[in-house]
Amino acid sequence: MKVLSNASIYGLRALIYVASQKNDSAYVGIKEISDNLDISFHFLTKILQTLSQNNILSSYRGPNGGVALTRPPEQIFLVEVVKVLEGQDFFDTCMLGLPGCGEVAPCPMHHFWKDIKAVFLHEFETTSLADLGAKIKARSMRL
C-alpha cells in the first residue's frame, strides 16, 4: 500500500541517502543519487529543487556541486519533508479526497484513517533523517 506520492518517496530516499553519507556537510551529486537509487535524474532534480526552495537542501552548481542538507540531519524530521512535498494539509485530509470530511460529516473510511494518520504523524514528527541515515550505515539497509 502506498500512502505517499512518488515525489515524497523519492525525496525521502534521496534525503536519507544524503544523510547517510560520511561527511554530512559535503555536497552529494544529483547524478550519484539518481544512479544509486535508480530514480529518474530529471524527476529527482525537480524534487530536490522543491526541497531547496523550502530550505531543506542547499544546492551548488559546478563540477563539485550537488546538494547538501541545510541543517544537521538530527534537526530535519520526516514531517517537514512530507508537508513540503505533499502539502501542508497532508495529515488533515480525507483518504478519499472528499472535502469537508470530518467528525460531523465523515466518509466511510474516516474513523480508521483518522487513527492511522495520528500514528503516521507521531512517527513522522519524531523520526529524523539522522535516525534513518544511521540505520543505513549500521545495518546496511537498502534504499
Protein backbone atom coordinates (compact mmCIF):
# COMPACT_ATOMS: atom_id res chain seq x y z
CA MET A 1 0.00 0.00 0.00
CA LYS A 2 1.34 3.39 -0.96
CA VAL A 3 0.28 6.37 1.12
CA LEU A 4 2.86 8.86 -0.15
CA SER A 5 3.30 10.13 -3.70
CA ASN A 6 6.33 9.12 -5.77
CA ALA A 7 7.73 12.61 -5.23
CA SER A 8 7.67 12.13 -1.45
CA ILE A 9 9.06 8.61 -1.63
CA TYR A 10 11.93 9.64 -3.91
CA GLY A 11 12.54 12.83 -1.93
CA LEU A 12 12.77 10.93 1.34
CA ARG A 13 15.02 8.28 -0.18
CA ALA A 14 17.33 10.97 -1.58
CA LEU A 15 17.46 12.86 1.72
CA ILE A 16 18.18 9.67 3.67
CA TYR A 17 20.94 8.89 1.16
CA VAL A 18 22.48 12.35 1.67
CA ALA A 19 22.14 11.99 5.46
CA SER A 20 23.83 8.58 5.38
CA GLN A 21 26.97 9.85 3.64
CA LYS A 22 30.15 10.05 5.71
CA ASN A 23 30.58 13.82 5.51
CA ASP A 24 27.26 15.46 6.37
CA SER A 25 28.37 18.89 5.16
CA ALA A 26 29.69 17.80 1.74
CA TYR A 27 27.68 18.19 -1.43
CA VAL A 28 26.42 14.97 -2.97
CA GLY A 29 25.99 14.92 -6.74
CA ILE A 30 22.45 14.58 -8.05
CA LYS A 31 23.67 12.13 -10.70
CA GLU A 32 25.22 9.99 -7.94
CA ILE A 33 21.93 9.96 -6.02
CA SER A 34 19.95 9.24 -9.17
CA ASP A 35 22.22 6.37 -10.22
CA ASN A 36 22.49 4.78 -6.76
CA LEU A 37 18.76 4.98 -6.04
CA ASP A 38 17.62 4.25 -9.60
CA ILE A 39 15.48 7.40 -9.80
CA SER A 40 14.98 9.43 -12.97
CA PHE A 41 17.56 12.23 -12.94
CA HIS A 42 15.10 14.83 -14.24
CA PHE A 43 12.31 13.88 -11.80
CA LEU A 44 14.78 13.81 -8.91
CA THR A 45 16.13 17.24 -9.91
CA LYS A 46 12.61 18.72 -9.70
CA ILE A 47 12.04 17.16 -6.28
CA LEU A 48 15.39 18.36 -4.95
CA GLN A 49 14.69 21.83 -6.33
CA THR A 50 11.46 21.94 -4.29
CA LEU A 51 13.36 20.82 -1.19
CA SER A 52 15.98 23.53 -1.86
CA GLN A 53 13.30 26.20 -2.25
CA ASN A 54 11.96 25.16 1.15
CA ASN A 55 15.38 25.32 2.87
CA ILE A 56 15.78 21.62 3.49
CA LEU A 57 18.61 21.35 0.98
CA SER A 58 21.14 23.75 -0.43
CA SER A 59 22.44 23.23 -3.93
CA TYR A 60 25.69 24.13 -5.62
CA ARG A 61 26.38 24.07 -9.34
CA GLY A 62 29.60 23.04 -10.96
CA PRO A 63 31.93 20.04 -11.13
CA ASN A 64 31.96 19.58 -7.34
CA GLY A 65 28.35 20.63 -6.98
CA GLY A 66 25.30 18.79 -5.81
CA VAL A 67 23.04 19.06 -2.81
CA ALA A 68 23.64 19.18 0.94
CA LEU A 69 21.38 19.38 3.96
CA THR A 70 20.88 22.92 5.26
CA ARG A 71 20.86 21.71 8.86
CA PRO A 72 22.22 18.71 10.71
CA PRO A 73 20.15 15.61 9.88
CA GLU A 74 19.11 15.41 13.55
CA GLN A 75 17.14 18.62 13.02
CA ILE A 76 15.23 17.57 9.89
CA PHE A 77 12.17 15.46 10.66
CA LEU A 78 10.15 13.47 8.15
CA VAL A 79 7.02 15.52 8.83
CA GLU A 80 8.70 18.63 7.41
CA VAL A 81 9.69 16.85 4.21
CA VAL A 82 6.27 15.26 3.70
CA LYS A 83 4.48 18.56 4.25
CA VAL A 84 6.72 20.23 1.66
CA LEU A 85 6.21 17.51 -0.95
CA GLU A 86 2.60 16.50 -0.22
CA GLY A 87 1.20 19.79 1.02
CA GLN A 88 0.79 21.36 4.45
CA ASP A 89 -2.62 19.74 4.93
CA PHE A 90 -1.48 16.16 4.18
CA PHE A 91 -2.21 14.89 7.70
CA ASP A 92 -5.59 16.67 7.79
CA THR A 93 -7.15 15.49 4.53
CA CYS A 94 -9.60 12.72 3.80
CA MET A 95 -8.19 9.45 2.46
CA LEU A 96 -10.80 9.54 -0.30
CA GLY A 97 -10.14 13.20 -1.01
CA LEU A 98 -13.63 14.30 -0.01
CA PRO A 99 -13.91 17.95 1.00
CA GLY A 100 -15.45 18.57 4.41
CA CYS A 101 -14.79 15.06 5.68
CA GLY A 102 -14.63 15.08 9.49
CA GLU A 103 -16.42 14.07 12.65
CA VAL A 104 -19.62 15.86 11.63
CA ALA A 105 -19.73 14.53 8.06
CA PRO A 106 -17.37 11.56 7.87
CA CYS A 107 -16.60 9.43 4.82
CA PRO A 108 -16.87 5.62 5.19
CA MET A 109 -13.12 5.37 5.91
CA HIS A 110 -12.84 8.38 8.24
CA HIS A 111 -12.74 6.63 11.62
CA PHE A 112 -9.97 4.16 10.94
CA TRP A 113 -8.00 6.56 8.71
CA LYS A 114 -8.08 9.18 11.50
CA ASP A 115 -6.32 6.76 13.85
CA ILE A 116 -3.78 5.66 11.25
CA LYS A 117 -2.99 9.28 10.36
CA ALA A 118 -2.36 10.03 14.03
CA VAL A 119 0.20 7.20 14.21
CA PHE A 120 1.86 8.35 10.97
CA LEU A 121 2.01 11.93 12.20
CA HIS A 122 3.59 10.92 15.51
CA GLU A 123 6.23 8.76 13.80
CA PHE A 124 7.00 11.42 11.19
CA GLU A 125 7.28 14.12 13.88
CA THR A 126 9.72 12.06 15.96
CA THR A 127 11.87 10.46 13.24
CA SER A 128 14.74 12.48 11.81
CA LEU A 129 16.89 11.97 8.75
CA ALA A 130 19.73 11.16 11.15
CA ASP A 131 17.71 8.29 12.63
CA LEU A 132 17.18 6.73 9.22
CA GLY A 133 20.66 7.59 7.94
CA ALA A 134 22.15 5.82 10.96
CA LYS A 135 20.14 2.69 10.17
CA ILE A 136 21.52 2.71 6.63
CA LYS A 137 25.10 2.89 7.95
CA ALA A 138 24.73 0.48 10.86
CA ARG A 139 22.60 -2.22 9.31
CA SER A 140 23.49 -1.94 5.63
CA MET A 141 19.84 -1.36 4.82
CA ARG A 142 18.82 -0.67 1.28
CA LEU A 143 17.31 2.46 -0.12
